[in-house]
Protein backbone atom coordinates (compact mmCIF):
# COMPACT_ATOMS: atom_id res chain seq x y z
CA UNK A 1 -37.56 58.57 34.97
CA UNK A 2 -38.91 55.06 35.43
CA UNK A 3 -38.15 53.29 38.68
CA UNK A 4 -38.26 49.71 39.93
CA UNK A 5 -40.23 49.86 43.15
CA UNK A 6 -40.45 46.20 44.12
CA UNK A 7 -39.67 42.60 43.26
CA UNK A 8 -42.22 39.84 43.69
CA UNK A 9 -41.49 36.10 43.77
CA UNK A 10 -44.30 33.65 43.12
CA UNK A 11 -44.97 30.06 42.19
CA UNK A 12 -46.62 29.36 38.85
CA UNK A 13 -47.68 25.75 39.43
CA UNK A 14 -50.43 25.08 36.84
CA UNK A 15 -52.62 23.31 39.40
CA UNK A 16 -52.96 26.67 41.19
CA UNK A 17 -54.43 28.12 38.01
CA UNK A 18 -56.77 25.15 37.67
CA UNK A 19 -57.96 25.65 41.26
CA UNK A 20 -58.72 29.31 40.48
CA UNK A 21 -60.48 28.50 37.21
CA UNK A 22 -62.57 25.76 38.83
CA UNK A 23 -63.42 27.89 41.88
CA UNK A 24 -61.71 25.56 44.33
CA UNK A 25 -59.72 28.19 46.23
CA UNK A 26 -61.81 27.80 49.40
CA UNK A 27 -61.52 24.02 49.51
CA UNK A 28 -59.42 22.73 52.45
CA UNK A 29 -56.67 21.44 50.17
CA UNK A 30 -56.14 24.89 48.60
CA UNK A 31 -57.34 27.35 51.21
CA UNK A 32 -53.98 27.75 52.99
CA UNK A 33 -52.18 28.45 49.71
CA UNK A 34 -54.51 31.23 48.66
CA UNK A 35 -54.92 32.76 52.11
CA UNK A 36 -51.14 33.06 52.23
CA UNK A 37 -51.25 35.40 49.24
CA UNK A 38 -53.89 37.74 50.69
CA UNK A 39 -51.36 40.14 52.22
CA UNK A 40 -49.44 40.24 48.95
CA UNK A 41 -52.64 41.03 47.06
CA UNK A 42 -53.47 43.81 49.53
CA UNK A 43 -49.96 45.22 49.13
CA UNK A 44 -50.26 45.12 45.34
CA UNK A 45 -53.64 46.84 45.48
CA UNK A 46 -52.12 49.71 47.51
CA UNK A 47 -48.95 49.89 45.41
CA UNK A 48 -50.72 50.08 42.01
CA UNK A 49 -47.70 49.63 39.71
CA UNK A 50 -47.76 51.24 36.28
CA UNK A 51 -46.04 48.27 34.59
CA UNK A 52 -45.08 44.74 35.60
CA UNK A 53 -42.15 42.89 34.03
CA UNK A 54 -42.90 39.19 34.48
CA UNK A 55 -39.91 36.85 34.21
CA UNK A 56 -41.03 33.26 33.73
CA UNK A 57 -40.42 30.22 31.56
CA UNK A 58 -42.53 29.19 28.61
CA UNK A 59 -43.85 25.61 28.67
CA UNK A 60 -43.74 24.87 24.90
CA UNK A 61 -46.68 27.27 24.37
CA UNK A 62 -45.11 30.24 22.60
CA UNK A 63 -42.07 28.25 21.49
CA UNK A 64 -41.75 24.64 20.37
CA UNK A 65 -38.61 22.58 20.86
CA UNK A 66 -37.64 23.58 17.30
CA UNK A 67 -36.98 27.19 18.35
CA UNK A 68 -36.13 27.88 21.98
CA UNK A 69 -34.67 31.36 22.64
CA UNK A 70 -32.53 31.78 25.73
CA UNK A 71 -34.20 35.10 26.60
CA UNK A 72 -37.38 36.23 24.79
CA UNK A 73 -38.83 39.70 25.44
CA UNK A 74 -42.45 40.44 24.56
CA UNK A 75 -42.76 43.77 22.74
CA UNK A 76 -46.32 43.36 21.43
CA UNK A 77 -49.41 45.43 22.16
CA UNK A 78 -51.07 42.41 23.76
CA UNK A 79 -50.47 38.77 24.66
CA UNK A 80 -53.39 36.32 24.49
CA UNK A 81 -53.56 33.34 26.87
CA UNK A 82 -52.13 30.20 25.27
CA UNK A 83 -54.06 27.00 24.65
CA UNK A 84 -52.01 24.49 26.65
CA UNK A 85 -53.98 21.47 25.47
CA UNK A 86 -57.31 22.02 27.22
CA UNK A 87 -58.20 25.45 25.90
CA UNK A 88 -56.89 28.89 26.95
CA UNK A 89 -57.31 29.81 30.60
CA UNK A 90 -60.36 32.05 31.28
CA UNK A 91 -58.22 35.07 32.13
CA UNK A 92 -57.99 38.52 30.52
CA UNK A 93 -55.74 39.16 27.53
CA UNK A 94 -52.47 40.61 28.83
CA UNK A 95 -51.89 44.17 27.62
CA UNK A 96 -48.29 44.99 26.79
CA UNK A 97 -46.19 48.15 27.02
CA UNK A 98 -44.36 48.16 23.66
CA UNK A 99 -42.65 51.51 24.29
CA UNK A 100 -40.89 50.44 27.49
CA UNK A 101 -40.30 46.94 26.11
CA UNK A 102 -38.61 48.32 22.99
CA UNK A 103 -36.49 50.62 25.14
CA UNK A 104 -35.42 47.68 27.32
CA UNK A 105 -34.61 45.61 24.23
CA UNK A 106 -32.41 48.34 22.76
CA UNK A 107 -30.66 49.08 26.05
CA UNK A 108 -30.03 45.45 26.94
CA UNK A 109 -28.84 44.47 23.47
CA UNK A 110 -26.44 47.42 23.43
CA UNK A 111 -25.37 46.16 26.86
CA UNK A 112 -24.27 43.01 24.96
CA UNK A 113 -27.13 40.69 25.86
CA UNK A 114 -28.71 38.87 22.93
CA UNK A 115 -32.48 38.99 23.31
CA UNK A 116 -35.14 37.51 21.05
CA UNK A 117 -37.71 40.24 20.35
CA UNK A 118 -41.27 38.88 20.14
CA UNK A 119 -43.88 41.07 18.41
CA UNK A 120 -46.42 38.26 18.59
CA UNK A 121 -46.52 35.92 21.53
CA UNK A 122 -48.95 33.87 23.61
CA UNK A 123 -48.44 33.51 27.35
CA UNK A 124 -49.12 30.41 29.41
CA UNK A 125 -49.66 29.58 33.09
CA UNK A 126 -46.06 30.59 33.85
CA UNK A 127 -47.22 34.20 33.53
CA UNK A 128 -50.96 34.13 34.18
CA UNK A 129 -50.92 32.16 37.46
CA UNK A 130 -48.68 34.72 39.25
CA UNK A 131 -50.92 37.49 37.90
CA UNK A 132 -53.93 35.78 39.48
CA UNK A 133 -52.12 35.29 42.78
CA UNK A 134 -51.15 38.96 43.03
CA UNK A 135 -54.11 40.65 41.32
CA UNK A 136 -56.98 38.20 41.83
CA UNK A 137 -59.36 37.50 38.95
CA UNK A 138 -60.34 40.89 37.49
CA UNK A 139 -62.13 41.40 34.16
CA UNK A 140 -58.99 43.19 32.95
CA UNK A 141 -55.47 43.21 34.39
CA UNK A 142 -54.85 46.50 36.24
CA UNK A 143 -51.60 47.36 34.45
CA UNK A 144 -49.59 46.56 31.31
CA UNK A 145 -47.18 43.64 31.40
CA UNK A 146 -43.86 42.97 29.67
CA UNK A 147 -43.18 39.21 29.48
CA UNK A 148 -39.60 37.93 29.61
CA UNK A 149 -39.38 34.19 28.96
CA UNK A 150 -36.19 32.44 30.09
CA UNK A 151 -35.30 29.02 28.70
CA UNK A 152 -35.18 26.32 31.35
CA UNK A 153 -36.72 23.65 29.11
CA UNK A 154 -34.01 22.72 26.63
CA UNK A 155 -30.31 22.34 27.34
CA UNK A 156 -28.29 24.49 27.67
CA UNK A 157 -30.16 26.96 29.87
CA UNK A 158 -28.49 30.24 30.83
CA UNK A 159 -26.36 30.12 33.96
CA UNK A 160 -27.52 31.70 37.20
CA UNK A 161 -24.73 34.27 36.83
CA UNK A 162 -25.92 35.18 33.32
CA UNK A 163 -29.46 35.70 34.63
CA UNK A 164 -28.13 37.83 37.47
CA UNK A 165 -26.17 40.04 35.08
CA UNK A 166 -29.21 40.36 32.79
CA UNK A 167 -31.24 41.50 35.80
CA UNK A 168 -28.74 44.28 36.42
CA UNK A 169 -28.91 45.26 32.74
CA UNK A 170 -32.73 45.40 32.93
CA UNK A 171 -32.50 47.70 35.95
CA UNK A 172 -30.21 50.04 34.01
CA UNK A 173 -32.61 49.96 31.08
CA UNK A 174 -35.68 50.72 33.21
CA UNK A 175 -33.96 53.55 35.08
CA UNK A 176 -32.92 55.19 31.81
CA UNK A 177 -36.50 55.30 30.47
CA UNK A 178 -37.61 58.95 30.45
CA UNK A 179 -41.25 58.50 31.52
CA UNK A 180 -42.12 58.40 35.22
CA UNK A 181 -43.26 54.81 35.64
CA UNK A 182 -43.43 52.65 38.75
CA UNK A 183 -42.28 49.18 37.74
CA UNK A 184 -42.64 45.89 39.63
CA UNK A 185 -40.53 42.86 38.66
CA UNK A 186 -42.09 39.40 38.97
CA UNK A 187 -39.82 36.38 39.35
CA UNK A 188 -41.88 33.22 38.90
CA UNK A 189 -41.28 29.49 39.16
CA UNK A 190 -40.26 27.47 42.17
CA UNK A 191 -37.43 26.61 44.50
CA UNK A 192 -37.53 23.32 46.39
CA UNK A 193 -41.21 22.48 46.14
CA UNK A 194 -42.55 19.29 44.59
CA UNK A 195 -45.08 20.15 41.89
CA UNK A 196 -46.92 16.83 41.59
CA UNK A 197 -47.22 13.27 42.84
CA UNK A 198 -47.61 12.03 46.40
CA UNK A 199 -45.10 14.61 47.69
CA UNK A 200 -46.79 17.58 45.98
CA UNK A 201 -46.24 20.74 48.00
CA UNK A 202 -43.31 19.36 50.00
CA UNK A 203 -40.60 21.99 50.49
CA UNK A 204 -37.27 22.49 52.20
CA UNK A 205 -38.32 25.62 54.08
CA UNK A 206 -34.86 26.25 55.55
CA UNK A 207 -33.25 26.29 52.11
CA UNK A 208 -36.05 28.35 50.58
CA UNK A 209 -35.90 31.01 53.29
CA UNK A 210 -32.11 31.25 53.02
CA UNK A 211 -32.45 31.57 49.24
CA UNK A 212 -35.01 34.38 49.58
CA UNK A 213 -32.85 36.16 52.17
CA UNK A 214 -29.87 36.07 49.82
CA UNK A 215 -31.86 37.59 46.96
CA UNK A 216 -31.27 40.88 48.76
CA UNK A 217 -28.33 40.14 51.09
CA UNK A 218 -25.95 38.29 48.77
CA UNK A 219 -27.38 37.52 45.32
CA UNK A 220 -23.95 36.62 43.95
CA UNK A 221 -23.79 33.74 46.42
CA UNK A 222 -26.87 32.27 44.75
CA UNK A 223 -25.13 32.23 41.38
CA UNK A 224 -22.51 29.85 42.80
CA UNK A 225 -24.91 27.12 43.96
CA UNK A 226 -24.05 23.90 42.12
CA UNK A 227 -26.50 21.41 40.61
CA UNK A 228 -25.42 18.91 43.24
CA UNK A 229 -26.27 21.32 46.06
CA UNK A 230 -29.66 22.07 44.53
CA UNK A 231 -30.39 18.35 44.24
CA UNK A 232 -29.48 17.83 47.90
CA UNK A 233 -31.47 20.78 49.23
CA UNK A 234 -34.53 19.98 47.12
CA UNK A 235 -34.39 16.37 48.28
CA UNK A 236 -34.17 14.99 44.73
CA UNK A 237 -34.98 11.28 44.61
CA UNK A 238 -35.02 10.72 40.82
CA UNK A 239 -32.36 11.80 38.35
CA UNK A 240 -33.35 11.97 34.66
CA UNK A 241 -30.53 12.71 32.24
CA UNK A 242 -28.13 11.13 29.78
CA UNK A 243 -25.93 8.38 31.24
CA UNK A 244 -22.93 10.56 30.49
CA UNK A 245 -24.25 13.41 32.65
CA UNK A 246 -24.97 11.09 35.58
CA UNK A 247 -21.35 9.93 35.50
CA UNK A 248 -20.12 13.50 35.05
CA UNK A 249 -22.05 14.68 38.12
CA UNK A 250 -20.53 11.85 40.14
CA UNK A 251 -17.07 12.76 38.87
CA UNK A 252 -17.56 16.43 39.82
CA UNK A 253 -18.80 15.41 43.27
CA UNK A 254 -15.60 13.44 43.79
CA UNK A 255 -13.44 16.33 42.55
CA UNK A 256 -14.98 18.94 44.87
CA UNK A 257 -15.38 16.63 47.88
CA UNK A 258 -19.19 16.64 47.75
CA UNK A 259 -20.89 13.77 49.58
CA UNK A 260 -23.12 12.37 46.84
CA UNK A 261 -24.86 10.15 49.42
CA UNK A 262 -26.32 13.31 50.96
CA UNK A 263 -28.73 13.35 47.99
CA UNK A 264 -31.58 10.92 48.81
CA UNK A 265 -31.47 9.36 45.34
CA UNK A 266 -33.66 6.30 44.78
CA UNK A 267 -33.47 5.82 41.01
CA UNK A 268 -31.85 7.24 37.91
CA UNK A 269 -33.54 7.21 34.49
CA UNK A 270 -31.52 7.65 31.33
CA UNK A 271 -32.17 8.28 27.67
CA UNK A 272 -30.62 10.11 24.73
CA UNK A 273 -27.71 7.72 24.19
CA UNK A 274 -26.66 4.14 24.98
CA UNK A 275 -25.42 3.69 28.52
CA UNK A 276 -28.18 2.57 30.85
CA UNK A 277 -28.52 -0.51 28.63
CA UNK A 278 -24.76 -1.20 28.65
CA UNK A 279 -24.14 -3.49 31.66
CA UNK A 280 -20.81 -1.99 32.73
CA UNK A 281 -22.05 1.59 32.39
CA UNK A 282 -25.29 0.77 34.22
CA UNK A 283 -23.28 -0.79 37.05
CA UNK A 284 -21.01 2.22 37.28
CA UNK A 285 -23.98 4.59 37.52
CA UNK A 286 -25.61 2.45 40.21
CA UNK A 287 -22.38 2.27 42.20
CA UNK A 288 -21.85 6.04 41.96
CA UNK A 289 -25.39 7.01 43.01
CA UNK A 290 -26.29 4.00 45.21
CA UNK A 291 -29.56 3.85 43.28
CA UNK A 292 -31.31 1.73 40.68
CA UNK A 293 -30.46 2.73 37.11
CA UNK A 294 -33.24 2.42 34.51
CA UNK A 295 -33.06 2.57 30.74
CA UNK A 296 -35.63 4.62 28.84
CA UNK A 297 -35.81 4.96 25.06
CA UNK A 298 -37.51 7.21 22.55
CA UNK A 299 -36.98 9.66 19.73
CA UNK A 300 -37.92 13.32 19.41
CA UNK A 301 -39.91 12.51 16.25
CA UNK A 302 -42.18 9.95 17.95
CA UNK A 303 -41.79 10.43 21.72
CA UNK A 304 -40.78 8.05 24.50
CA UNK A 305 -41.65 4.56 23.29
CA UNK A 306 -40.15 2.07 25.74
CA UNK A 307 -39.03 1.71 29.35
CA UNK A 308 -37.20 -0.69 31.64
CA UNK A 309 -39.41 -2.25 34.31
CA UNK A 310 -38.54 -2.73 37.99
CA UNK A 311 -37.44 -6.31 37.33
CA UNK A 312 -34.68 -4.97 35.05
CA UNK A 313 -34.74 -7.90 32.64
CA UNK A 314 -32.00 -6.41 30.47
CA UNK A 315 -34.31 -4.70 28.03
CA UNK A 316 -37.11 -2.20 27.58
CA UNK A 317 -40.87 -2.73 27.18
CA UNK A 318 -42.63 -1.11 24.22
CA UNK A 319 -45.65 1.00 25.24
CA UNK A 320 -47.98 -0.92 22.94
CA UNK A 321 -51.01 1.21 23.81
CA UNK A 322 -49.29 4.09 22.03
CA UNK A 323 -46.98 2.49 19.44
CA UNK A 324 -46.78 -0.17 16.75
CA UNK A 325 -43.25 -1.46 16.26
CA UNK A 326 -41.68 -3.33 13.37
CA UNK A 327 -38.09 -4.54 13.11
CA UNK A 328 -36.57 -4.71 9.63
CA UNK A 329 -33.31 -5.49 7.92
CA UNK A 330 -31.88 -1.98 7.38
CA UNK A 331 -30.47 -2.98 3.98
CA UNK A 332 -33.42 -4.86 2.47
CA UNK A 333 -36.36 -3.39 4.37
CA UNK A 334 -37.70 -6.89 5.06
CA UNK A 335 -38.96 -7.93 8.50
CA UNK A 336 -36.53 -9.89 10.66
CA UNK A 337 -37.51 -12.76 12.91
CA UNK A 338 -37.84 -12.31 16.71
CA UNK A 339 -34.42 -12.54 18.30
CA UNK A 340 -32.62 -11.13 15.26
CA UNK A 341 -31.02 -7.70 15.26
CA UNK A 342 -32.72 -5.13 13.03
CA UNK A 343 -33.75 -1.51 12.64
CA UNK A 344 -36.74 -0.28 14.67
CA UNK A 345 -39.64 1.18 12.67
CA UNK A 346 -42.24 2.99 14.77
CA UNK A 347 -45.82 4.13 14.22
CA UNK A 348 -47.14 6.56 16.82
CA UNK A 349 -50.82 6.11 17.71
CA UNK A 350 -51.42 8.83 20.27
CA UNK A 351 -49.44 11.97 19.48
CA UNK A 352 -52.00 14.60 18.57
CA UNK A 353 -51.05 16.97 15.78
CA UNK A 354 -47.85 15.11 14.96
CA UNK A 355 -48.66 11.62 13.66
CA UNK A 356 -45.70 9.56 12.50
CA UNK A 357 -46.33 6.42 10.45
CA UNK A 358 -43.69 3.73 9.91
CA UNK A 359 -40.83 6.00 10.94
CA UNK A 360 -37.39 4.46 10.48
CA UNK A 361 -35.63 5.39 13.71
CA UNK A 362 -32.16 4.17 12.73
CA UNK A 363 -32.01 2.39 16.12
CA UNK A 364 -30.98 -1.26 16.24
CA UNK A 365 -33.02 -3.60 18.45
CA UNK A 366 -33.62 -7.30 19.06
CA UNK A 367 -37.22 -8.34 19.85
CA UNK A 368 -38.05 -10.71 22.72
CA UNK A 369 -41.65 -11.94 22.86
CA UNK A 370 -41.32 -13.93 26.11
CA UNK A 371 -43.37 -12.98 29.15
CA UNK A 372 -41.34 -10.76 31.49
CA UNK A 373 -40.91 -11.65 35.16
CA UNK A 374 -42.77 -8.41 35.94
CA UNK A 375 -45.88 -9.97 34.37
CA UNK A 376 -45.98 -7.86 31.20
CA UNK A 377 -46.47 -9.66 27.90
CA UNK A 378 -45.76 -6.62 25.74
CA UNK A 379 -43.04 -6.68 23.13
CA UNK A 380 -39.61 -6.22 24.70
CA UNK A 381 -36.38 -4.96 23.17
CA UNK A 382 -33.68 -7.30 24.48
CA UNK A 383 -30.78 -5.17 25.68
CA UNK A 384 -32.65 -1.94 24.90
CA UNK A 385 -31.39 0.13 21.98
CA UNK A 386 -28.32 -1.79 20.83
CA UNK A 387 -26.89 1.02 18.74
CA UNK A 388 -27.46 2.96 15.57
CA UNK A 389 -27.63 1.40 12.12
CA UNK A 390 -25.26 4.13 10.98
CA UNK A 391 -22.93 3.77 14.01
CA UNK A 392 -21.42 0.46 13.01
CA UNK A 393 -17.98 0.71 11.42
CA UNK A 394 -15.93 -2.06 9.88
CA UNK A 395 -12.32 -2.19 11.07
CA UNK A 396 -10.07 -4.81 9.45
CA UNK A 397 -13.16 -6.77 8.43
CA UNK A 398 -14.69 -6.72 11.92
CA UNK A 399 -18.05 -5.02 12.55
CA UNK A 400 -17.54 -2.72 15.54
CA UNK A 401 -20.39 -1.17 17.55
CA UNK A 402 -19.53 1.71 19.93
CA UNK A 403 -21.76 0.29 22.69
CA UNK A 404 -19.83 -2.98 22.71
CA UNK A 405 -16.51 -1.19 23.07
CA UNK A 406 -17.89 1.04 25.84
CA UNK A 407 -19.12 -1.99 27.76
CA UNK A 408 -15.53 -3.30 27.94
CA UNK A 409 -13.92 0.04 28.80
CA UNK A 410 -16.46 0.88 31.55
CA UNK A 411 -15.64 -2.38 33.32
CA UNK A 412 -12.32 -0.79 34.25
CA UNK A 413 -13.23 1.47 37.15
CA UNK A 414 -9.93 3.32 36.75
CA UNK A 415 -11.26 4.97 33.55
CA UNK A 416 -12.96 8.34 34.03
CA UNK A 417 -13.34 9.27 30.36
CA UNK A 418 -12.40 7.94 26.94
CA UNK A 419 -12.42 8.74 23.22
CA UNK A 420 -12.30 6.35 20.26
CA UNK A 421 -11.01 7.32 16.82
CA UNK A 422 -11.05 5.05 13.78
CA UNK A 423 -8.88 6.11 10.86
CA UNK A 424 -6.43 4.85 8.25
CA UNK A 425 -2.72 4.65 8.98
CA UNK A 426 -0.59 3.59 5.97
CA UNK A 427 -3.72 2.16 4.30
CA UNK A 428 -4.49 0.07 7.39
CA UNK A 429 -7.63 0.59 9.49
CA UNK A 430 -6.64 1.53 13.02
CA UNK A 431 -8.63 2.12 16.18
CA UNK A 432 -7.08 4.51 18.70
CA UNK A 433 -8.57 4.70 22.19
CA UNK A 434 -7.55 7.52 24.51
CA UNK A 435 -8.34 6.90 28.17
CA UNK A 436 -8.24 9.33 31.04
CA UNK A 437 -7.69 7.61 34.37
CA UNK A 438 -8.82 8.63 37.82
CA UNK A 439 -6.31 9.98 40.31
CA UNK A 440 -3.96 7.33 41.63
CA UNK A 441 -4.72 4.76 38.92
CA UNK A 442 -1.90 2.62 37.54
CA UNK A 443 -1.25 3.64 33.90
CA UNK A 444 -0.52 -0.01 33.11
CA UNK A 445 -4.28 -0.58 33.06
CA UNK A 446 -4.29 0.64 29.44
CA UNK A 447 -2.47 -2.57 28.49
CA UNK A 448 -5.15 -4.65 30.21
CA UNK A 449 -7.85 -2.72 28.31
CA UNK A 450 -6.09 -3.41 25.00
CA UNK A 451 -5.85 -7.15 25.78
CA UNK A 452 -9.55 -7.32 26.73
CA UNK A 453 -10.61 -5.51 23.56
CA UNK A 454 -8.34 -7.74 21.48
CA UNK A 455 -10.19 -10.81 22.77
CA UNK A 456 -13.54 -9.27 21.88
CA UNK A 457 -12.72 -7.66 18.53
CA UNK A 458 -10.12 -10.09 17.14
CA UNK A 459 -7.76 -7.19 16.56
CA UNK A 460 -5.87 -5.05 19.05
CA UNK A 461 -6.71 -1.34 19.16
CA UNK A 462 -4.04 1.13 20.20
CA UNK A 463 -4.89 2.30 23.73
CA UNK A 464 -3.26 5.51 24.98
CA UNK A 465 -3.16 6.99 28.47
CA UNK A 466 -3.79 10.77 28.36
CA UNK A 467 -3.40 13.37 31.11
CA UNK A 468 -6.26 14.35 33.42
CA UNK A 469 -8.85 16.73 31.93
CA UNK A 470 -7.48 16.35 28.40
CA UNK A 471 -10.68 14.77 27.07
CA UNK A 472 -13.96 16.68 26.70
CA UNK A 473 -16.79 16.23 29.19
CA UNK A 474 -20.41 16.07 28.08
CA UNK A 475 -23.72 17.04 29.65
CA UNK A 476 -25.96 16.09 26.74
CA UNK A 477 -25.37 13.33 24.21
CA UNK A 478 -21.73 12.34 24.32
CA UNK A 479 -19.59 12.12 21.18
CA UNK A 480 -16.85 9.64 22.04
CA UNK A 481 -16.71 7.68 18.77
CA UNK A 482 -15.07 9.32 15.76
CA UNK A 483 -14.61 7.79 12.31
CA UNK A 484 -12.14 9.35 9.86
CA UNK A 485 -11.71 6.58 7.29
CA UNK A 486 -12.65 8.81 4.36
CA UNK A 487 -10.18 11.59 5.12
């Protein structure tokens, strides 16, 4: 019967692969890294496994963002190195073990795990760098490899507990294989280390050692580590997410008594939905994280096209070296004058293999051509992305934009979450706003919200106080605005 004889944990930082490929391993900058792996290489040479199962994450090489499997098992005869933009790495083709891989797939799927079976698959640095670190640079890899790619690129990734349970299922599968094989499991990636920038290589050694100890002593404990704890222990200084998720993390911290100031946060960067460009929401994020909040805009079809500078002028700068922007009337298609609201049309100049010409984004913007205090003279979107052309709804003759309503509601710090529904009641357009208040808040605040919205909208929406945790929470793009006028 097959047997798992060892587990190996290794980084797969691509710069390590580049150092190997460019013969820089003896340079002072890299020498300590590679000398640290010498004992592991010696151990692997003595152990001589029959098969390695390498668990890693694909970096948009085998899978694009259009199809991202949660768990993908390679069952092919071989796996060529992927071209990651500068040609495939000069490493041997990875030979597979389709018999054991197919057995694992069957066993694990019958164990109620849904795997994606890949009979053709390229492998990137996430797999080949650990192979180099443990086997050196041979002309051919010394044993077959079964790749298992785990999604950590696109939300939602599998939970730590799900990965732990899959690991146990893989052990059962391997140990039920009838051939006598000695199997080594590779776990690749990183823990606290910084992979680039001025702090590249910086780690929290105390946390990393405790994590490694618990892989054998108490693996279940590792499945209970929260995102907030990981951010603290890794020394996270920048948070990139939707505005909704930043507020949700702060809310969770308050609920569990976590000191959010223990995370050395310096700035938060937000995209995916309005929020960082809405003054009240921006202020709430900055107050929660004691950090600067920056807006950042883009679209999956064209990429990230604009950013908020350090002067925070209340808008985002277009990256004019990469994009041509036009602003048009969404109804007529004619260009609007600077300062007028219109739909953003983007042409991408620098996205290889995926050119987009005069793409109608559906995003509403207002162009400002004045020089920014930061010194940039590039085109600026005043107020960032103001909303969607298809988001506006007319209620009792008034044009209502979700971002404008959110800006009023977020000014009331008592509000933790809200939901807006526009529908018809007895042939009359009505806007109902449900608000969930923080603990200890006076429910009478809903009346104040209604009065404030009345002054802005020229009609009074119906504002309702709902019980705690009645409204949904979001980690990606939030859906708080619902229109049911046609029902």
